[in-house]
Amino acid sequence: MAKRCKYYGLIRVQKSVFLGQIKAKWLKIIHGELTNTINQRTDRLFIVPISPSQFKRVLQSGAPPSILQSVADKKTRFID
């Protein structure tokens, strides 16, 4: 599952939490792929879309690098 998330340009922010920008047309594809990957009895998958304006309001504390900086980094690949 982690490999697929990274393939789509998502950034791992915790062991099973990924973050990134992705177009709506890819959302259903990713959801389908990941749904087929998880154990339906024991695992859960949440995809939480937020608008760019909401994303800019994300607050972070703790160890660097900043999630917002990571997502804005031009080296980070995103699906457009």
PDB file of N, CA and C in Angstrom:
ATOM      1  N   MET A   1       0.827  -1.186   0.000  1.00  0.00           N
ATOM      2  CA  MET A   1       0.000   0.000   0.000  1.00  0.00           C
ATOM      3  C   MET A   1       0.872   1.250   0.000  1.00  0.00           C
ATOM      4  N   ALA A   2       1.911   1.250   0.805  1.00  0.00           N
ATOM      5  CA  ALA A   2       2.799   2.416   0.869  1.00  0.00           C
ATOM      6  C   ALA A   2       3.441   2.689  -0.482  1.00  0.00           C
ATOM      7  N   LYS A   3       3.844   1.641  -1.189  1.00  0.00           N
ATOM      8  CA  LYS A   3       4.461   1.820  -2.505  1.00  0.00           C
ATOM      9  C   LYS A   3       3.495   2.471  -3.482  1.00  0.00           C
ATOM     10  N   ARG A   4       2.228   2.075  -3.434  1.00  0.00           N
ATOM     11  CA  ARG A   4       1.236   2.668  -4.335  1.00  0.00           C
ATOM     12  C   ARG A   4       1.003   4.138  -3.995  1.00  0.00           C
ATOM     13  N   CYS A   5       0.927   4.453  -2.717  1.00  0.00           N
ATOM     14  CA  CYS A   5       0.746   5.848  -2.317  1.00  0.00           C
ATOM     15  C   CYS A   5       1.920   6.694  -2.793  1.00  0.00           C
ATOM     16  N   LYS A   6       3.121   6.189  -2.594  1.00  0.00           N
ATOM     17  CA  LYS A   6       4.311   6.921  -3.040  1.00  0.00           C
ATOM     18  C   LYS A   6       4.347   7.029  -4.557  1.00  0.00           C
ATOM     19  N   TYR A   7       3.916   5.985  -5.269  1.00  0.00           N
ATOM     20  CA  TYR A   7       3.856   6.015  -6.729  1.00  0.00           C
ATOM     21  C   TYR A   7       2.989   7.180  -7.214  1.00  0.00           C
ATOM     22  N   TYR A   8       1.906   7.432  -6.513  1.00  0.00           N
ATOM     23  CA  TYR A   8       1.001   8.513  -6.881  1.00  0.00           C
ATOM     24  C   TYR A   8       1.460   9.875  -6.363  1.00  0.00           C
ATOM     25  N   GLY A   9       2.649   9.918  -5.775  1.00  0.00           N
ATOM     26  CA  GLY A   9       3.213  11.190  -5.361  1.00  0.00           C
ATOM     27  C   GLY A   9       2.834  11.634  -3.965  1.00  0.00           C
ATOM     28  N   LEU A  10       2.211  10.765  -3.200  1.00  0.00           N
ATOM     29  CA  LEU A  10       1.838  11.117  -1.843  1.00  0.00           C
ATOM     30  C   LEU A  10       3.055  11.020  -0.929  1.00  0.00           C
ATOM     31  N   ILE A  11       3.073  11.834   0.095  1.00  0.00           N
ATOM     32  CA  ILE A  11       4.192  11.886   1.034  1.00  0.00           C
ATOM     33  C   ILE A  11       3.782  11.193   2.328  1.00  0.00           C
ATOM     34  N   ARG A  12       4.652  10.310   2.812  1.00  0.00           N
ATOM     35  CA  ARG A  12       4.378   9.628   4.080  1.00  0.00           C
ATOM     36  C   ARG A  12       4.674  10.591   5.226  1.00  0.00           C
ATOM     37  N   VAL A  13       3.666  10.841   6.070  1.00  0.00           N
ATOM     38  CA  VAL A  13       3.856  11.722   7.221  1.00  0.00           C
ATOM     39  C   VAL A  13       3.843  10.945   8.530  1.00  0.00           C
ATOM     40  N   GLN A  14       3.321   9.746   8.503  1.00  0.00           N
ATOM     41  CA  GLN A  14       3.393   8.794   9.609  1.00  0.00           C
ATOM     42  C   GLN A  14       3.371   7.404   8.980  1.00  0.00           C
ATOM     43  N   LYS A  15       3.501   6.373   9.794  1.00  0.00           N
ATOM     44  CA  LYS A  15       3.604   5.019   9.247  1.00  0.00           C
ATOM     45  C   LYS A  15       2.487   4.698   8.254  1.00  0.00           C
ATOM     46  N   SER A  16       1.266   5.052   8.584  1.00  0.00           N
ATOM     47  CA  SER A  16       0.163   4.741   7.675  1.00  0.00           C
ATOM     48  C   SER A  16      -0.674   5.973   7.343  1.00  0.00           C
ATOM     49  N   VAL A  17      -0.006   7.127   7.295  1.00  0.00           N
ATOM     50  CA  VAL A  17      -0.673   8.373   6.913  1.00  0.00           C
ATOM     51  C   VAL A  17       0.111   9.001   5.774  1.00  0.00           C
ATOM     52  N   PHE A  18      -0.582   9.268   4.678  1.00  0.00           N
ATOM     53  CA  PHE A  18       0.035   9.874   3.511  1.00  0.00           C
ATOM     54  C   PHE A  18      -0.700  11.157   3.172  1.00  0.00           C
ATOM     55  N   LEU A  19       0.015  12.092   2.572  1.00  0.00           N
ATOM     56  CA  LEU A  19      -0.544  13.399   2.275  1.00  0.00           C
ATOM     57  C   LEU A  19      -0.060  13.846   0.905  1.00  0.00           C
ATOM     58  N   GLY A  20      -0.934  14.511   0.169  1.00  0.00           N
ATOM     59  CA  GLY A  20      -0.520  15.060  -1.110  1.00  0.00           C
ATOM     60  C   GLY A  20      -1.683  15.622  -1.882  1.00  0.00           C
ATOM     61  N   GLN A  21      -1.347  16.234  -2.976  1.00  0.00           N
ATOM     62  CA  GLN A  21      -2.360  16.814  -3.856  1.00  0.00           C
ATOM     63  C   GLN A  21      -2.563  15.867  -5.027  1.00  0.00           C
ATOM     64  N   ILE A  22      -3.813  15.650  -5.357  1.00  0.00           N
ATOM     65  CA  ILE A  22      -4.119  14.741  -6.450  1.00  0.00           C
ATOM     66  C   ILE A  22      -5.436  15.155  -7.090  1.00  0.00           C
ATOM     67  N   LYS A  23      -5.527  15.012  -8.387  1.00  0.00           N
ATOM     68  CA  LYS A  23      -6.762  15.386  -9.079  1.00  0.00           C
ATOM     69  C   LYS A  23      -7.864  14.372  -8.809  1.00  0.00           C
ATOM     70  N   ALA A  24      -9.083  14.858  -8.880  1.00  0.00           N
ATOM     71  CA  ALA A  24     -10.255  14.035  -8.569  1.00  0.00           C
ATOM     72  C   ALA A  24     -10.335  12.794  -9.451  1.00  0.00           C
ATOM     73  N   LYS A  25      -9.935  12.897 -10.711  1.00  0.00           N
ATOM     74  CA  LYS A  25     -10.049  11.741 -11.608  1.00  0.00           C
ATOM     75  C   LYS A  25      -9.167  10.579 -11.153  1.00  0.00           C
ATOM     76  N   TRP A  26      -8.091  10.865 -10.420  1.00  0.00           N
ATOM     77  CA  TRP A  26      -7.217   9.805  -9.924  1.00  0.00           C
ATOM     78  C   TRP A  26      -7.693   9.250  -8.586  1.00  0.00           C
ATOM     79  N   LEU A  27      -8.550   9.989  -7.921  1.00  0.00           N
ATOM     80  CA  LEU A  27      -8.997   9.601  -6.587  1.00  0.00           C
ATOM     81  C   LEU A  27      -9.690   8.234  -6.580  1.00  0.00           C
ATOM     82  N   LYS A  28     -10.609   8.020  -7.518  1.00  0.00           N
ATOM     83  CA  LYS A  28     -11.331   6.747  -7.577  1.00  0.00           C
ATOM     84  C   LYS A  28     -10.394   5.603  -7.947  1.00  0.00           C
ATOM     85  N   ILE A  29      -9.419   5.883  -8.798  1.00  0.00           N
ATOM     86  CA  ILE A  29      -8.455   4.849  -9.183  1.00  0.00           C
ATOM     87  C   ILE A  29      -7.639   4.422  -7.966  1.00  0.00           C
ATOM     88  N   ILE A  30      -7.116   5.406  -7.252  1.00  0.00           N
ATOM     89  CA  ILE A  30      -6.329   5.101  -6.053  1.00  0.00           C
ATOM     90  C   ILE A  30      -7.193   4.382  -5.020  1.00  0.00           C
ATOM     91  N   HIS A  31      -8.406   4.867  -4.815  1.00  0.00           N
ATOM     92  CA  HIS A  31      -9.307   4.242  -3.855  1.00  0.00           C
ATOM     93  C   HIS A  31      -9.541   2.776  -4.221  1.00  0.00           C
ATOM     94  N   GLY A  32      -9.788   2.506  -5.487  1.00  0.00           N
ATOM     95  CA  GLY A  32     -10.008   1.131  -5.926  1.00  0.00           C
ATOM     96  C   GLY A  32      -8.788   0.252  -5.704  1.00  0.00           C
ATOM     97  N   GLU A  33      -7.619   0.751  -6.086  1.00  0.00           N
ATOM     98  CA  GLU A  33      -6.385  -0.018  -5.904  1.00  0.00           C
ATOM     99  C   GLU A  33      -6.132  -0.333  -4.430  1.00  0.00           C
ATOM    100  N   LEU A  34      -6.247   0.692  -3.601  1.00  0.00           N
ATOM    101  CA  LEU A  34      -5.959   0.493  -2.182  1.00  0.00           C
ATOM    102  C   LEU A  34      -7.023  -0.358  -1.493  1.00  0.00           C
ATOM    103  N   THR A  35      -8.270  -0.233  -1.922  1.00  0.00           N
ATOM    104  CA  THR A  35      -9.342  -1.058  -1.368  1.00  0.00           C
ATOM    105  C   THR A  35      -9.070  -2.531  -1.648  1.00  0.00           C
ATOM    106  N   ASN A  36      -8.538  -2.821  -2.822  1.00  0.00           N
ATOM    107  CA  ASN A  36      -8.208  -4.207  -3.169  1.00  0.00           C
ATOM    108  C   ASN A  36      -6.967  -4.708  -2.430  1.00  0.00           C
ATOM    109  N   THR A  37      -6.184  -3.804  -1.875  1.00  0.00           N
ATOM    110  CA  THR A  37      -4.949  -4.159  -1.180  1.00  0.00           C
ATOM    111  C   THR A  37      -5.187  -4.498   0.289  1.00  0.00           C
ATOM    112  N   ILE A  38      -6.142  -3.821   0.914  1.00  0.00           N
ATOM    113  CA  ILE A  38      -6.328  -3.992   2.362  1.00  0.00           C
ATOM    114  C   ILE A  38      -7.131  -5.247   2.686  1.00  0.00           C
ATOM    115  N   ASN A  39      -6.997  -5.710   3.914  1.00  0.00           N
ATOM    116  CA  ASN A  39      -7.818  -6.785   4.445  1.00  0.00           C
ATOM    117  C   ASN A  39      -9.128  -6.153   4.898  1.00  0.00           C
ATOM    118  N   GLN A  40     -10.209  -6.472   4.235  1.00  0.00           N
ATOM    119  CA  GLN A  40     -11.497  -5.826   4.494  1.00  0.00           C
ATOM    120  C   GLN A  40     -12.037  -6.092   5.909  1.00  0.00           C
ATOM    121  N   ARG A  41     -11.566  -7.142   6.562  1.00  0.00           N
ATOM    122  CA  ARG A  41     -12.045  -7.462   7.914  1.00  0.00           C
ATOM    123  C   ARG A  41     -11.299  -6.705   9.001  1.00  0.00           C
ATOM    124  N   THR A  42     -10.019  -6.388   8.750  1.00  0.00           N
ATOM    125  CA  THR A  42      -9.207  -5.820   9.829  1.00  0.00           C
ATOM    126  C   THR A  42      -8.655  -4.431   9.540  1.00  0.00           C
ATOM    127  N   ASP A  43      -8.586  -4.038   8.281  1.00  0.00           N
ATOM    128  CA  ASP A  43      -7.978  -2.760   7.910  1.00  0.00           C
ATOM    129  C   ASP A  43      -9.041  -1.727   7.560  1.00  0.00           C
ATOM    130  N   ARG A  44      -8.634  -0.476   7.617  1.00  0.00           N
ATOM    131  CA  ARG A  44      -9.516   0.625   7.223  1.00  0.00           C
ATOM    132  C   ARG A  44      -8.749   1.581   6.329  1.00  0.00           C
ATOM    133  N   LEU A  45      -9.444   2.165   5.395  1.00  0.00           N
ATOM    134  CA  LEU A  45      -8.870   3.137   4.474  1.00  0.00           C
ATOM    135  C   LEU A  45      -9.723   4.396   4.528  1.00  0.00           C
ATOM    136  N   PHE A  46      -9.078   5.526   4.787  1.00  0.00           N
ATOM    137  CA  PHE A  46      -9.761   6.815   4.773  1.00  0.00           C
ATOM    138  C   PHE A  46      -9.064   7.695   3.744  1.00  0.00           C
ATOM    139  N   ILE A  47      -9.824   8.273   2.860  1.00  0.00           N
ATOM    140  CA  ILE A  47      -9.320   9.290   1.942  1.00  0.00           C
ATOM    141  C   ILE A  47     -10.120  10.542   2.259  1.00  0.00           C
ATOM    142  N   VAL A  48      -9.423  11.572   2.699  1.00  0.00           N
ATOM    143  CA  VAL A  48     -10.091  12.785   3.161  1.00  0.00           C
ATOM    144  C   VAL A  48      -9.688  13.942   2.251  1.00  0.00           C
ATOM    145  N   PRO A  49     -10.535  14.286   1.295  1.00  0.00           N
ATOM    146  CA  PRO A  49     -10.217  15.418   0.421  1.00  0.00           C
ATOM    147  C   PRO A  49     -10.404  16.749   1.160  1.00  0.00           C
ATOM    148  N   ILE A  50      -9.471  17.657   0.944  1.00  0.00           N
ATOM    149  CA  ILE A  50      -9.619  19.014   1.470  1.00  0.00           C
ATOM    150  C   ILE A  50      -9.259  19.988   0.366  1.00  0.00           C
ATOM    151  N   SER A  51      -9.849  21.141   0.420  1.00  0.00           N
ATOM    152  CA  SER A  51      -9.595  22.153  -0.604  1.00  0.00           C
ATOM    153  C   SER A  51      -8.218  22.779  -0.387  1.00  0.00           C
ATOM    154  N   PRO A  52      -7.655  23.372  -1.445  1.00  0.00           N
ATOM    155  CA  PRO A  52      -6.360  24.048  -1.278  1.00  0.00           C
ATOM    156  C   PRO A  52      -6.381  25.107  -0.180  1.00  0.00           C
ATOM    157  N   SER A  53      -7.485  25.823  -0.036  1.00  0.00           N
ATOM    158  CA  SER A  53      -7.540  26.854   1.004  1.00  0.00           C
ATOM    159  C   SER A  53      -7.549  26.215   2.398  1.00  0.00           C
ATOM    160  N   GLN A  54      -8.223  25.081   2.545  1.00  0.00           N
ATOM    161  CA  GLN A  54      -8.203  24.377   3.828  1.00  0.00           C
ATOM    162  C   GLN A  54      -6.809  23.823   4.110  1.00  0.00           C
ATOM    163  N   PHE A  55      -6.157  23.309   3.072  1.00  0.00           N
ATOM    164  CA  PHE A  55      -4.823  22.746   3.237  1.00  0.00           C
ATOM    165  C   PHE A  55      -3.842  23.800   3.724  1.00  0.00           C
ATOM    166  N   LYS A  56      -3.973  25.020   3.234  1.00  0.00           N
ATOM    167  CA  LYS A  56      -3.085  26.108   3.657  1.00  0.00           C
ATOM    168  C   LYS A  56      -3.253  26.435   5.140  1.00  0.00           C
ATOM    169  N   ARG A  57      -4.375  26.035   5.722  1.00  0.00           N
ATOM    170  CA  ARG A  57      -4.648  26.323   7.124  1.00  0.00           C
ATOM    171  C   ARG A  57      -4.180  25.204   8.060  1.00  0.00           C
ATOM    172  N   VAL A  58      -3.562  24.156   7.500  1.00  0.00           N
ATOM    173  CA  VAL A  58      -3.067  23.045   8.325  1.00  0.00           C
ATOM    174  C   VAL A  58      -2.004  23.561   9.284  1.00  0.00           C
ATOM    175  N   LEU A  59      -2.100  23.166  10.538  1.00  0.00           N
ATOM    176  CA  LEU A  59      -1.114  23.524  11.547  1.00  0.00           C
ATOM    177  C   LEU A  59      -0.268  22.300  11.841  1.00  0.00           C
ATOM    178  N   GLN A  60       1.024  22.495  12.023  1.00  0.00           N
ATOM    179  CA  GLN A  60       1.917  21.384  12.319  1.00  0.00           C
ATOM    180  C   GLN A  60       2.867  21.761  13.435  1.00  0.00           C
ATOM    181  N   SER A  61       3.145  20.807  14.291  1.00  0.00           N
ATOM    182  CA  SER A  61       4.149  20.956  15.342  1.00  0.00           C
ATOM    183  C   SER A  61       5.032  19.728  15.312  1.00  0.00           C
ATOM    184  N   GLY A  62       6.215  19.855  15.823  1.00  0.00           N
ATOM    185  CA  GLY A  62       7.079  18.694  15.931  1.00  0.00           C
ATOM    186  C   GLY A  62       8.208  18.702  14.924  1.00  0.00           C
ATOM    187  N   ALA A  63       8.725  17.515  14.685  1.00  0.00           N
ATOM    188  CA  ALA A  63       9.939  17.333  13.896  1.00  0.00           C
ATOM    189  C   ALA A  63       9.791  17.822  12.465  1.00  0.00           C
ATOM    190  N   PRO A  64      10.837  18.494  11.967  1.00  0.00           N
ATOM    191  CA  PRO A  64      10.832  18.898  10.569  1.00  0.00           C
ATOM    192  C   PRO A  64      11.016  17.679   9.675  1.00  0.00           C
ATOM    193  N   PRO A  65      10.815  17.728   8.389  1.00  0.00           N
ATOM    194  CA  PRO A  65      10.450  18.924   7.650  1.00  0.00           C
ATOM    195  C   PRO A  65       8.950  19.199   7.753  1.00  0.00           C
ATOM    196  N   SER A  66       8.610  20.426   7.524  1.00  0.00           N
ATOM    197  CA  SER A  66       7.217  20.826   7.527  1.00  0.00           C
ATOM    198  C   SER A  66       6.477  20.089   6.413  1.00  0.00           C
ATOM    199  N   ILE A  67       5.315  19.574   6.725  1.00  0.00           N
ATOM    200  CA  ILE A  67       4.498  18.910   5.716  1.00  0.00           C
ATOM    201  C   ILE A  67       4.154  19.884   4.600  1.00  0.00           C
ATOM    202  N   LEU A  68       3.801  21.093   4.974  1.00  0.00           N
ATOM    203  CA  LEU A  68       3.433  22.078   3.961  1.00  0.00           C
ATOM    204  C   LEU A  68       4.606  22.373   3.033  1.00  0.00           C
ATOM    205  N   GLN A  69       5.816  22.459   3.579  1.00  0.00           N
ATOM    206  CA  GLN A  69       6.990  22.690   2.736  1.00  0.00           C
ATOM    207  C   GLN A  69       7.251  21.482   1.853  1.00  0.00           C
ATOM    208  N   SER A  70       7.095  20.276   2.391  1.00  0.00           N
ATOM    209  CA  SER A  70       7.316  19.066   1.617  1.00  0.00           C
ATOM    210  C   SER A  70       6.366  18.983   0.436  1.00  0.00           C
ATOM    211  N   VAL A  71       5.116  19.310   0.676  1.00  0.00           N
ATOM    212  CA  VAL A  71       4.122  19.248  -0.392  1.00  0.00           C
ATOM    213  C   VAL A  71       4.379  20.336  -1.427  1.00  0.00           C
ATOM    214  N   ALA A  72       4.880  21.481  -1.000  1.00  0.00           N
ATOM    215  CA  ALA A  72       5.144  22.591  -1.916  1.00  0.00           C
ATOM    216  C   ALA A  72       6.481  22.432  -2.642  1.00  0.00           C
ATOM    217  N   ASP A  73       7.329  21.511  -2.201  1.00  0.00           N
ATOM    218  CA  ASP A  73       8.647  21.309  -2.788  1.00  0.00           C
ATOM    219  C   ASP A  73       8.517  20.911  -4.255  1.00  0.00           C
ATOM    220  N   LYS A  74       9.220  21.585  -5.130  1.00  0.00           N
ATOM    221  CA  LYS A  74       9.127  21.320  -6.555  1.00  0.00           C
ATOM    222  C   LYS A  74       9.657  19.925  -6.916  1.00  0.00           C
ATOM    223  N   LYS A  75      10.470  19.323  -6.043  1.00  0.00           N
ATOM    224  CA  LYS A  75      10.987  17.981  -6.300  1.00  0.00           C
ATOM    225  C   LYS A  75       9.939  16.899  -6.037  1.00  0.00           C
ATOM    226  N   THR A  76       8.912  17.259  -5.273  1.00  0.00           N
ATOM    227  CA  THR A  76       7.857  16.301  -4.964  1.00  0.00           C
ATOM    228  C   THR A  76       6.961  16.149  -6.179  1.00  0.00           C
ATOM    229  N   ARG A  77       6.723  14.902  -6.575  1.00  0.00           N
ATOM    230  CA  ARG A  77       5.910  14.634  -7.756  1.00  0.00           C
ATOM    231  C   ARG A  77       4.441  14.538  -7.375  1.00  0.00           C
ATOM    232  N   PHE A  78       3.607  15.265  -8.080  1.00  0.00           N
ATOM    233  CA  PHE A  78       2.179  15.203  -7.862  1.00  0.00           C
ATOM    234  C   PHE A  78       1.506  14.879  -9.175  1.00  0.00           C
ATOM    235  N   ILE A  79       0.388  14.214  -9.086  1.00  0.00           N
ATOM    236  CA  ILE A  79      -0.397  13.922 -10.274  1.00  0.00           C
ATOM    237  C   ILE A  79      -1.306  15.119 -10.536  1.00  0.00           C
ATOM    238  N   ASP A  80      -1.212  15.661 -11.708  1.00  0.00           N
ATOM    239  CA  ASP A  80      -2.058  16.810 -12.077  1.00  0.00           C
ATOM    240  C   ASP A  80      -3.112  16.386 -13.082  1.00  0.00           C
TER     241      ASP A  80
END
